[in-house]
Amino acid sequence: KVNNTIRESGLRELGQLEQDLVFGDAGMKEVIKFLTTKEVSNSEMGNEKGVPYT
């Protein structure tokens, strides 16, 4: 159940992005891509505003 929540929330991807940022393997381009992807996912799931992390 916990793993499903982590997967559905995108926490695994967020953690990987955070690690990549810390070690210099990612930049603003990847952050924008991540947030845009989450916004699209949320709007497809019925979130009218498409706000990330809700």
PDB file of N, CA and C in Angstrom:
ATOM      1  N   LYS A   1       0.827  -1.195   0.000  1.00  0.00           N
ATOM      2  CA  LYS A   1       0.000   0.000   0.000  1.00  0.00           C
ATOM      3  C   LYS A   1       0.875   1.264   0.000  1.00  0.00           C
ATOM      4  N   VAL A   2       1.918   1.252   0.808  1.00  0.00           N
ATOM      5  CA  VAL A   2       2.824   2.402   0.861  1.00  0.00           C
ATOM      6  C   VAL A   2       3.522   2.588  -0.480  1.00  0.00           C
ATOM      7  N   ASN A   3       3.991   1.486  -1.067  1.00  0.00           N
ATOM      8  CA  ASN A   3       4.665   1.578  -2.364  1.00  0.00           C
ATOM      9  C   ASN A   3       3.737   2.130  -3.438  1.00  0.00           C
ATOM     10  N   ASN A   4       2.473   1.737  -3.398  1.00  0.00           N
ATOM     11  CA  ASN A   4       1.511   2.271  -4.372  1.00  0.00           C
ATOM     12  C   ASN A   4       1.345   3.777  -4.214  1.00  0.00           C
ATOM     13  N   THR A   5       1.264   4.233  -2.974  1.00  0.00           N
ATOM     14  CA  THR A   5       1.134   5.663  -2.715  1.00  0.00           C
ATOM     15  C   THR A   5       2.359   6.415  -3.205  1.00  0.00           C
ATOM     16  N   ILE A   6       3.540   5.864  -2.945  1.00  0.00           N
ATOM     17  CA  ILE A   6       4.791   6.477  -3.405  1.00  0.00           C
ATOM     18  C   ILE A   6       4.800   6.567  -4.920  1.00  0.00           C
ATOM     19  N   ARG A   7       4.407   5.490  -5.576  1.00  0.00           N
ATOM     20  CA  ARG A   7       4.394   5.448  -7.036  1.00  0.00           C
ATOM     21  C   ARG A   7       3.383   6.443  -7.602  1.00  0.00           C
ATOM     22  N   GLU A   8       2.178   6.451  -7.043  1.00  0.00           N
ATOM     23  CA  GLU A   8       1.122   7.330  -7.540  1.00  0.00           C
ATOM     24  C   GLU A   8       1.461   8.805  -7.323  1.00  0.00           C
ATOM     25  N   SER A   9       2.160   9.102  -6.250  1.00  0.00           N
ATOM     26  CA  SER A   9       2.506  10.487  -5.932  1.00  0.00           C
ATOM     27  C   SER A   9       3.713  10.984  -6.702  1.00  0.00           C
ATOM     28  N   GLY A  10       4.438  10.067  -7.310  1.00  0.00           N
ATOM     29  CA  GLY A  10       5.633  10.463  -8.044  1.00  0.00           C
ATOM     30  C   GLY A  10       6.812  10.752  -7.140  1.00  0.00           C
ATOM     31  N   LEU A  11       6.763  10.254  -5.913  1.00  0.00           N
ATOM     32  CA  LEU A  11       7.838  10.538  -4.964  1.00  0.00           C
ATOM     33  C   LEU A  11       9.151   9.889  -5.364  1.00  0.00           C
ATOM     34  N   ARG A  12       9.081   8.745  -5.984  1.00  0.00           N
ATOM     35  CA  ARG A  12      10.308   8.070  -6.428  1.00  0.00           C
ATOM     36  C   ARG A  12      11.031   8.932  -7.466  1.00  0.00           C
ATOM     37  N   GLU A  13      10.264   9.446  -8.427  1.00  0.00           N
ATOM     38  CA  GLU A  13      10.845  10.294  -9.463  1.00  0.00           C
ATOM     39  C   GLU A  13      11.364  11.602  -8.875  1.00  0.00           C
ATOM     40  N   LEU A  14      10.621  12.152  -7.917  1.00  0.00           N
ATOM     41  CA  LEU A  14      11.049  13.386  -7.273  1.00  0.00           C
ATOM     42  C   LEU A  14      12.355  13.175  -6.516  1.00  0.00           C
ATOM     43  N   GLY A  15      12.475  12.054  -5.824  1.00  0.00           N
ATOM     44  CA  GLY A  15      13.705  11.735  -5.106  1.00  0.00           C
ATOM     45  C   GLY A  15      14.885  11.583  -6.047  1.00  0.00           C
ATOM     46  N   GLN A  16      14.654  10.948  -7.177  1.00  0.00           N
ATOM     47  CA  GLN A  16      15.725  10.781  -8.165  1.00  0.00           C
ATOM     48  C   GLN A  16      16.142  12.131  -8.729  1.00  0.00           C
ATOM     49  N   LEU A  17      15.168  12.983  -9.003  1.00  0.00           N
ATOM     50  CA  LEU A  17      15.473  14.320  -9.511  1.00  0.00           C
ATOM     51  C   LEU A  17      16.269  15.114  -8.480  1.00  0.00           C
ATOM     52  N   GLU A  18      15.870  15.022  -7.227  1.00  0.00           N
ATOM     53  CA  GLU A  18      16.592  15.722  -6.160  1.00  0.00           C
ATOM     54  C   GLU A  18      18.047  15.255  -6.095  1.00  0.00           C
ATOM     55  N   GLN A  19      18.243  13.958  -6.158  1.00  0.00           N
ATOM     56  CA  GLN A  19      19.598  13.402  -6.127  1.00  0.00           C
ATOM     57  C   GLN A  19      20.403  13.887  -7.334  1.00  0.00           C
ATOM     58  N   ASP A  20      19.790  13.880  -8.502  1.00  0.00           N
ATOM     59  CA  ASP A  20      20.478  14.347  -9.706  1.00  0.00           C
ATOM     60  C   ASP A  20      20.851  15.824  -9.600  1.00  0.00           C
ATOM     61  N   LEU A  21      19.976  16.622  -8.995  1.00  0.00           N
ATOM     62  CA  LEU A  21      20.281  18.039  -8.811  1.00  0.00           C
ATOM     63  C   LEU A  21      21.457  18.232  -7.863  1.00  0.00           C
ATOM     64  N   VAL A  22      21.462  17.489  -6.771  1.00  0.00           N
ATOM     65  CA  VAL A  22      22.529  17.611  -5.774  1.00  0.00           C
ATOM     66  C   VAL A  22      23.876  17.264  -6.381  1.00  0.00           C
ATOM     67  N   PHE A  23      23.917  16.227  -7.193  1.00  0.00           N
ATOM     68  CA  PHE A  23      25.182  15.770  -7.762  1.00  0.00           C
ATOM     69  C   PHE A  23      25.502  16.415  -9.109  1.00  0.00           C
ATOM     70  N   GLY A  24      24.663  17.352  -9.540  1.00  0.00           N
ATOM     71  CA  GLY A  24      24.947  18.091 -10.764  1.00  0.00           C
ATOM     72  C   GLY A  24      24.602  17.366 -12.046  1.00  0.00           C
ATOM     73  N   ASP A  25      23.834  16.286 -11.936  1.00  0.00           N
ATOM     74  CA  ASP A  25      23.456  15.527 -13.127  1.00  0.00           C
ATOM     75  C   ASP A  25      22.168  16.039 -13.766  1.00  0.00           C
ATOM     76  N   ALA A  26      21.507  16.998 -13.118  1.00  0.00           N
ATOM     77  CA  ALA A  26      20.269  17.574 -13.645  1.00  0.00           C
ATOM     78  C   ALA A  26      20.310  19.080 -13.428  1.00  0.00           C
ATOM     79  N   GLY A  27      19.512  19.771 -14.216  1.00  0.00           N
ATOM     80  CA  GLY A  27      19.441  21.229 -14.101  1.00  0.00           C
ATOM     81  C   GLY A  27      18.002  21.695 -14.210  1.00  0.00           C
ATOM     82  N   MET A  28      17.836  22.978 -14.478  1.00  0.00           N
ATOM     83  CA  MET A  28      16.495  23.555 -14.561  1.00  0.00           C
ATOM     84  C   MET A  28      15.646  22.908 -15.654  1.00  0.00           C
ATOM     85  N   LYS A  29      16.285  22.487 -16.728  1.00  0.00           N
ATOM     86  CA  LYS A  29      15.547  21.849 -17.820  1.00  0.00           C
ATOM     87  C   LYS A  29      14.820  20.602 -17.312  1.00  0.00           C
ATOM     88  N   GLU A  30      15.506  19.796 -16.508  1.00  0.00           N
ATOM     89  CA  GLU A  30      14.901  18.575 -15.971  1.00  0.00           C
ATOM     90  C   GLU A  30      13.824  18.888 -14.940  1.00  0.00           C
ATOM     91  N   VAL A  31      14.038  19.934 -14.143  1.00  0.00           N
ATOM     92  CA  VAL A  31      13.036  20.333 -13.152  1.00  0.00           C
ATOM     93  C   VAL A  31      11.756  20.775 -13.859  1.00  0.00           C
ATOM     94  N   ILE A  32      11.905  21.603 -14.890  1.00  0.00           N
ATOM     95  CA  ILE A  32      10.742  22.076 -15.645  1.00  0.00           C
ATOM     96  C   ILE A  32      10.024  20.906 -16.306  1.00  0.00           C
ATOM     97  N   LYS A  33      10.783  19.985 -16.871  1.00  0.00           N
ATOM     98  CA  LYS A  33      10.182  18.809 -17.507  1.00  0.00           C
ATOM     99  C   LYS A  33       9.406  17.985 -16.483  1.00  0.00           C
ATOM    100  N   PHE A  34       9.988  17.781 -15.300  1.00  0.00           N
ATOM    101  CA  PHE A  34       9.329  17.014 -14.243  1.00  0.00           C
ATOM    102  C   PHE A  34       8.028  17.685 -13.824  1.00  0.00           C
ATOM    103  N   LEU A  35       8.086  18.989 -13.558  1.00  0.00           N
ATOM    104  CA  LEU A  35       6.890  19.706 -13.113  1.00  0.00           C
ATOM    105  C   LEU A  35       5.819  19.744 -14.194  1.00  0.00           C
ATOM    106  N   THR A  36       6.221  19.902 -15.439  1.00  0.00           N
ATOM    107  CA  THR A  36       5.268  19.908 -16.546  1.00  0.00           C
ATOM    108  C   THR A  36       4.597  18.549 -16.682  1.00  0.00           C
ATOM    109  N   THR A  37       5.369  17.495 -16.552  1.00  0.00           N
ATOM    110  CA  THR A  37       4.824  16.139 -16.633  1.00  0.00           C
ATOM    111  C   THR A  37       3.823  15.901 -15.515  1.00  0.00           C
ATOM    112  N   LYS A  38       4.154  16.339 -14.306  1.00  0.00           N
ATOM    113  CA  LYS A  38       3.242  16.162 -13.170  1.00  0.00           C
ATOM    114  C   LYS A  38       1.979  16.982 -13.365  1.00  0.00           C
ATOM    115  N   GLU A  39       2.105  18.165 -13.939  1.00  0.00           N
ATOM    116  CA  GLU A  39       0.942  19.014 -14.179  1.00  0.00           C
ATOM    117  C   GLU A  39      -0.001  18.354 -15.170  1.00  0.00           C
ATOM    118  N   VAL A  40       0.536  17.783 -16.234  1.00  0.00           N
ATOM    119  CA  VAL A  40      -0.269  17.089 -17.232  1.00  0.00           C
ATOM    120  C   VAL A  40      -0.930  15.875 -16.605  1.00  0.00           C
ATOM    121  N   SER A  41      -0.201  15.115 -15.800  1.00  0.00           N
ATOM    122  CA  SER A  41      -0.751  13.925 -15.154  1.00  0.00           C
ATOM    123  C   SER A  41      -1.913  14.297 -14.254  1.00  0.00           C
ATOM    124  N   ASN A  42      -1.758  15.360 -13.469  1.00  0.00           N
ATOM    125  CA  ASN A  42      -2.814  15.780 -12.566  1.00  0.00           C
ATOM    126  C   ASN A  42      -4.034  16.266 -13.326  1.00  0.00           C
ATOM    127  N   SER A  43      -3.844  16.979 -14.427  1.00  0.00           N
ATOM    128  CA  SER A  43      -4.995  17.474 -15.177  1.00  0.00           C
ATOM    129  C   SER A  43      -5.727  16.325 -15.861  1.00  0.00           C
ATOM    130  N   GLU A  44      -5.012  15.294 -16.253  1.00  0.00           N
ATOM    131  CA  GLU A  44      -5.648  14.121 -16.851  1.00  0.00           C
ATOM    132  C   GLU A  44      -6.463  13.353 -15.822  1.00  0.00           C
ATOM    133  N   MET A  45      -6.074  13.451 -14.544  1.00  0.00           N
ATOM    134  CA  MET A  45      -6.763  12.725 -13.485  1.00  0.00           C
ATOM    135  C   MET A  45      -7.939  13.522 -12.933  1.00  0.00           C
ATOM    136  N   GLY A  46      -8.281  14.645 -13.576  1.00  0.00           N
ATOM    137  CA  GLY A  46      -9.447  15.395 -13.155  1.00  0.00           C
ATOM    138  C   GLY A  46      -9.134  16.593 -12.289  1.00  0.00           C
ATOM    139  N   ASN A  47      -7.879  16.871 -12.034  1.00  0.00           N
ATOM    140  CA  ASN A  47      -7.518  18.056 -11.284  1.00  0.00           C
ATOM    141  C   ASN A  47      -7.633  19.237 -12.236  1.00  0.00           C
ATOM    142  N   GLU A  48      -8.634  20.072 -12.030  1.00  0.00           N
ATOM    143  CA  GLU A  48      -8.937  21.142 -12.981  1.00  0.00           C
ATOM    144  C   GLU A  48      -7.785  22.106 -13.182  1.00  0.00           C
ATOM    145  N   LYS A  49      -7.084  22.436 -12.117  1.00  0.00           N
ATOM    146  CA  LYS A  49      -6.000  23.405 -12.218  1.00  0.00           C
ATOM    147  C   LYS A  49      -4.704  22.762 -12.672  1.00  0.00           C
ATOM    148  N   GLY A  50      -4.586  21.449 -12.572  1.00  0.00           N
ATOM    149  CA  GLY A  50      -3.360  20.779 -12.961  1.00  0.00           C
ATOM    150  C   GLY A  50      -2.195  21.146 -12.073  1.00  0.00           C
ATOM    151  N   VAL A  51      -2.481  21.405 -10.803  1.00  0.00           N
ATOM    152  CA  VAL A  51      -1.433  21.823  -9.877  1.00  0.00           C
ATOM    153  C   VAL A  51      -0.633  20.605  -9.444  1.00  0.00           C
ATOM    154  N   PRO A  52       0.700  20.671  -9.542  1.00  0.00           N
ATOM    155  CA  PRO A  52       1.524  19.533  -9.130  1.00  0.00           C
ATOM    156  C   PRO A  52       1.402  19.247  -7.641  1.00  0.00           C
ATOM    157  N   TYR A  53       1.587  18.011  -7.271  1.00  0.00           N
ATOM    158  CA  TYR A  53       1.695  17.548  -5.884  1.00  0.00           C
ATOM    159  C   TYR A  53       0.445  17.744  -5.068  1.00  0.00           C
ATOM    160  N   THR A  54      -0.715  17.489  -5.650  1.00  0.00           N
ATOM    161  CA  THR A  54      -1.924  17.582  -4.852  1.00  0.00           C
ATOM    162  C   THR A  54      -2.522  16.221  -4.668  1.00  0.00           C
TER     163      THR A  54
END
